Amino acid sequence: MMFRKEAAFNEYFKPIDKEVETIMKAQLDGEEKTMKEMLATMQQRAFIEEIKAERAAKMKRQDTKQNNQDATTSSSNQSDQMR
């Protein structure tokens, strides 16, 4: 008797279980898609930040090189003027 009630109960809720399963799968798929999009965005942002840092370092090296050249030229000119 108990088995029949349990079977009837399971049979009654079977369509609802299927619907819940479908909804949960769709929700998980959506969350997975969102995670992948967020990861791609974070990777792009990291790449952009890396490029900016490289450009800043390059500009700093160029400025340092130019300042060194200016200092060398300036001290050379001062030496020439003192003679």
Protein backbone atom coordinates (compact mmCIF):
# COMPACT_ATOMS: atom_id res chain seq x y z
CA MET A 1 0.00 0.00 0.00
CA MET A 2 2.79 2.42 0.93
CA PHE A 3 4.59 1.69 -2.32
CA ARG A 4 1.52 2.63 -4.37
CA LYS A 5 1.12 5.95 -2.58
CA GLU A 6 4.79 6.75 -3.09
CA ALA A 7 4.59 5.77 -6.76
CA ALA A 8 1.44 7.86 -7.21
CA PHE A 9 3.13 10.78 -5.46
CA ASN A 10 6.21 10.50 -7.70
CA GLU A 11 4.05 10.17 -10.80
CA TYR A 12 2.03 13.24 -9.82
CA PHE A 13 5.14 15.40 -9.38
CA LYS A 14 7.11 14.01 -12.34
CA PRO A 15 6.08 16.83 -14.77
CA ILE A 16 6.88 19.45 -12.14
CA ASP A 17 10.28 17.84 -11.49
CA LYS A 18 11.03 17.93 -15.23
CA GLU A 19 10.02 21.59 -15.42
CA VAL A 20 12.17 22.46 -12.40
CA GLU A 21 15.09 20.57 -13.93
CA THR A 22 14.70 22.51 -17.18
CA ILE A 23 14.51 25.84 -15.35
CA MET A 24 17.55 25.04 -13.21
CA LYS A 25 19.55 23.97 -16.27
CA ALA A 26 18.65 27.21 -18.06
CA GLN A 27 19.63 29.21 -14.98
CA LEU A 28 22.96 27.40 -14.63
CA ASP A 29 23.66 27.86 -18.34
CA GLY A 30 22.96 31.58 -17.96
CA GLU A 31 25.27 31.83 -14.97
CA GLU A 32 28.00 29.96 -16.85
CA LYS A 33 27.65 32.35 -19.79
CA THR A 34 27.83 35.34 -17.44
CA MET A 35 30.96 33.95 -15.78
CA LYS A 36 32.64 33.41 -19.14
CA GLU A 37 31.77 36.96 -20.21
CA MET A 38 33.12 38.37 -16.94
CA LEU A 39 36.32 36.37 -17.33
CA ALA A 40 36.79 37.62 -20.89
CA THR A 41 36.19 41.20 -19.74
CA MET A 42 38.71 40.82 -16.91
CA GLN A 43 41.29 39.38 -19.30
CA GLN A 44 40.76 42.26 -21.73
CA ARG A 45 41.08 44.77 -18.89
CA ALA A 46 44.29 43.13 -17.67
CA PHE A 47 45.69 43.23 -21.21
CA ILE A 48 44.83 46.92 -21.54
CA GLU A 49 46.44 47.68 -18.17
CA GLU A 50 49.57 45.77 -19.22
CA ILE A 51 49.81 47.78 -22.45
CA LYS A 52 49.35 51.05 -20.52
CA ALA A 53 52.09 50.06 -18.07
CA GLU A 54 54.44 49.16 -20.92
CA ARG A 55 53.77 52.49 -22.63
CA ALA A 56 54.34 54.41 -19.39
CA ALA A 57 57.62 52.56 -18.79
CA LYS A 58 58.72 53.27 -22.36
CA MET A 59 57.87 56.96 -22.01
CA LYS A 60 59.77 57.13 -18.72
CA ARG A 61 62.83 55.50 -20.32
CA GLN A 62 62.65 57.97 -23.20
CA ASP A 63 62.34 60.91 -20.79
CA THR A 64 65.27 59.64 -18.73
CA LYS A 65 67.34 59.16 -21.87
CA GLN A 66 66.44 62.67 -23.09
CA ASN A 67 67.24 64.20 -19.68
CA ASN A 68 70.61 62.42 -19.65
CA GLN A 69 71.35 63.71 -23.16
CA ASP A 70 70.30 67.22 -22.14
CA ALA A 71 72.50 67.07 -19.04
CA THR A 72 75.46 65.82 -21.09
CA THR A 73 74.93 68.55 -23.70
CA SER A 74 74.52 71.20 -21.01
CA SER A 75 77.69 70.25 -19.15
CA SER A 76 79.57 70.02 -22.45
CA ASN A 77 78.41 73.54 -23.37
CA GLN A 78 79.43 74.86 -19.95
CA SER A 79 82.88 73.33 -20.35
CA ASP A 80 83.25 74.93 -23.77
CA GLN A 81 82.21 78.33 -22.40
CA MET A 82 84.75 78.19 -19.58
CA ARG A 83 87.67 77.72 -22.00
